[in-house]
Protein backbone atom coordinates (compact mmCIF):
# COMPACT_ATOMS: atom_id res chain seq x y z
CA MET A 1 236.37 189.63 -6.54
CA ASN A 2 234.19 189.59 -3.40
CA LEU A 3 235.92 186.39 -2.30
CA ILE A 4 239.31 188.09 -2.52
CA LYS A 5 238.07 191.07 -0.49
CA SER A 6 236.56 188.77 2.11
CA LEU A 7 239.77 186.78 2.34
CA ALA A 8 241.81 189.97 2.71
CA LEU A 9 239.54 191.13 5.56
CA VAL A 10 239.83 187.78 7.33
CA LEU A 11 243.61 187.82 7.01
CA ALA A 12 243.84 191.41 8.23
CA PHE A 13 241.68 190.62 11.26
CA SER A 14 243.68 187.47 12.02
CA ALA A 15 246.97 189.35 11.85
CA SER A 16 245.76 192.11 14.16
CA SER A 17 244.31 189.68 16.70
CA ALA A 18 247.50 187.60 16.68
CA PHE A 19 249.39 190.61 18.01
CA ALA A 20 246.92 191.70 20.68
CA ASP A 21 248.27 193.18 23.90
CA VAL A 22 248.36 191.10 27.06
CA ALA A 23 247.29 192.63 30.37
CA VAL A 24 248.74 191.28 33.60
CA ILE A 25 245.99 191.64 36.19
CA VAL A 26 245.49 191.49 39.95
CA ASN A 27 242.57 191.95 42.28
CA PRO A 28 241.64 195.64 42.74
CA ALA A 29 242.20 195.26 46.51
CA ASN A 30 245.84 194.30 45.89
CA SER A 31 247.86 197.43 46.64
CA SER A 32 251.28 195.87 46.02
CA ALA A 33 253.43 197.27 43.24
CA VAL A 34 254.03 194.54 40.64
CA SER A 35 256.94 194.93 38.23
CA LEU A 36 257.60 192.81 35.16
CA ASP A 37 260.48 191.21 37.11
CA ASP A 38 258.00 190.30 39.89
CA VAL A 39 255.68 188.75 37.29
CA SER A 40 258.52 186.68 35.87
CA LYS A 41 259.58 185.44 39.31
CA LEU A 42 256.01 184.48 40.22
CA TYR A 43 255.39 182.61 36.96
CA LEU A 44 258.74 180.80 37.05
CA GLY A 45 258.28 179.64 40.64
CA LYS A 46 261.12 181.81 41.98
CA SER A 47 258.79 183.74 44.28
CA LYS A 48 255.52 183.00 46.03
CA THR A 49 254.74 186.50 47.29
CA PHE A 50 254.06 189.97 46.00
CA ALA A 51 256.59 192.72 46.80
CA ASP A 52 254.66 193.58 49.98
CA GLY A 53 255.14 190.01 51.29
CA LYS A 54 251.54 188.88 50.79
CA ALA A 55 250.92 185.50 49.15
CA ALA A 56 250.63 185.42 45.37
CA THR A 57 248.86 182.75 43.34
CA PRO A 58 249.56 182.92 39.59
CA PHE A 59 247.14 181.50 37.03
CA ASN A 60 247.94 180.49 33.45
CA LEU A 61 245.93 180.25 30.28
CA PRO A 62 246.18 177.00 28.27
CA ASP A 63 249.41 176.34 26.33
CA ASN A 64 247.59 176.58 23.00
CA SER A 65 246.32 180.09 23.74
CA PRO A 66 247.88 182.91 21.67
CA THR A 67 247.72 185.09 24.80
CA HIS A 68 249.73 182.47 26.73
CA ALA A 69 252.35 182.36 23.95
CA LEU A 70 252.75 186.14 23.91
CA PHE A 71 252.87 186.32 27.71
CA SER A 72 255.53 183.58 27.88
CA GLU A 73 257.65 185.32 25.28
CA LYS A 74 257.35 188.88 26.61
CA ALA A 75 257.19 188.31 30.38
CA LEU A 76 259.21 185.12 30.81
CA ASN A 77 261.57 185.31 27.81
CA LYS A 78 260.66 181.72 26.91
CA ASN A 79 258.81 180.13 24.03
CA SER A 80 256.26 177.39 24.67
CA SER A 81 258.78 174.55 24.31
CA GLN A 82 261.29 176.20 26.62
CA LEU A 83 258.62 176.85 29.24
CA LYS A 84 257.40 173.23 29.12
CA ALA A 85 260.97 171.98 29.50
CA PHE A 86 261.61 174.40 32.37
CA TRP A 87 258.56 173.20 34.31
CA SER A 88 259.10 169.53 33.45
CA LYS A 89 262.54 169.69 35.06
CA LEU A 90 261.22 171.38 38.21
CA VAL A 91 258.30 168.98 38.54
CA PHE A 92 260.52 165.94 37.93
CA THR A 93 263.01 167.02 40.59
CA GLY A 94 260.25 167.96 43.03
CA LYS A 95 261.33 171.60 43.12
CA GLY A 96 258.19 173.20 41.80
CA THR A 97 254.72 173.08 40.36
CA PRO A 98 253.60 175.25 37.45
CA PRO A 99 250.83 177.79 37.97
CA ALA A 100 247.31 176.41 37.79
CA GLU A 101 245.70 176.62 34.38
CA LEU A 102 242.30 178.16 33.73
CA ALA A 103 240.41 177.64 30.48
CA SER A 104 239.78 181.19 29.26
CA ASP A 105 240.28 184.92 29.73
CA ALA A 106 236.87 185.03 31.43
CA ASP A 107 237.90 182.31 33.90
CA VAL A 108 241.19 184.06 34.74
CA LYS A 109 239.44 187.39 35.14
CA ALA A 110 236.76 185.86 37.42
CA LYS A 111 239.38 184.11 39.57
CA VAL A 112 241.50 187.26 39.94
CA ALA A 113 238.41 189.36 40.70
CA SER A 114 237.42 186.98 43.50
CA ASP A 115 240.85 186.29 45.07
CA VAL A 116 243.09 189.05 46.43
CA SER A 117 246.16 186.77 46.17
CA ALA A 118 245.59 185.92 42.49
CA ILE A 119 247.55 187.23 39.54
CA GLY A 120 246.82 186.38 35.93
CA TYR A 121 247.05 187.59 32.38
CA ILE A 122 244.39 188.05 29.73
CA ASP A 123 243.93 189.68 26.37
CA ALA A 124 243.94 193.41 27.09
CA GLY A 125 240.62 193.75 25.28
CA ALA A 126 238.95 191.60 27.94
CA VAL A 127 239.86 193.91 30.86
CA ASP A 128 237.02 195.49 32.79
CA GLY A 129 236.53 197.15 36.18
CA SER A 130 236.55 193.85 38.07
CA VAL A 131 240.37 193.62 37.89
CA LYS A 132 243.39 195.95 38.07
CA VAL A 133 246.00 196.03 35.30
CA VAL A 134 249.58 196.11 36.62
CA THR A 135 251.36 195.95 33.27
CA VAL A 136 250.58 195.58 29.57
CA LEU A 137 252.78 193.49 27.30
CA LYS A 138 252.91 194.40 23.62
């Protein structure tokens, strides 16, 4: 019976963590307004600046990250396969380069905290005072 309870707890925790919120973050010194449309344009290579005209450098989490999958779906309206195909075409034709990839939420948060031009996304539970949240994706 204890095994069943333990399994139920593990499954409940897994289900809740699979649907965690994603926070899109910028450096606290970045005063530009950032809409979800702006985020999409930056991450799809359609824009290289924030709304105020200052340079923007987007950073991705690895493709196998659940946070990356949720971000791609909610912010970019693409699943992982569609996003890979999108960037493969742009890279092949020389029309774009995907955002740089960082290994973890902590790496994205550190990069954004140290670079006023950076924008990233992390699990909302990892947000602290070193970054500013511009939108939360559920």
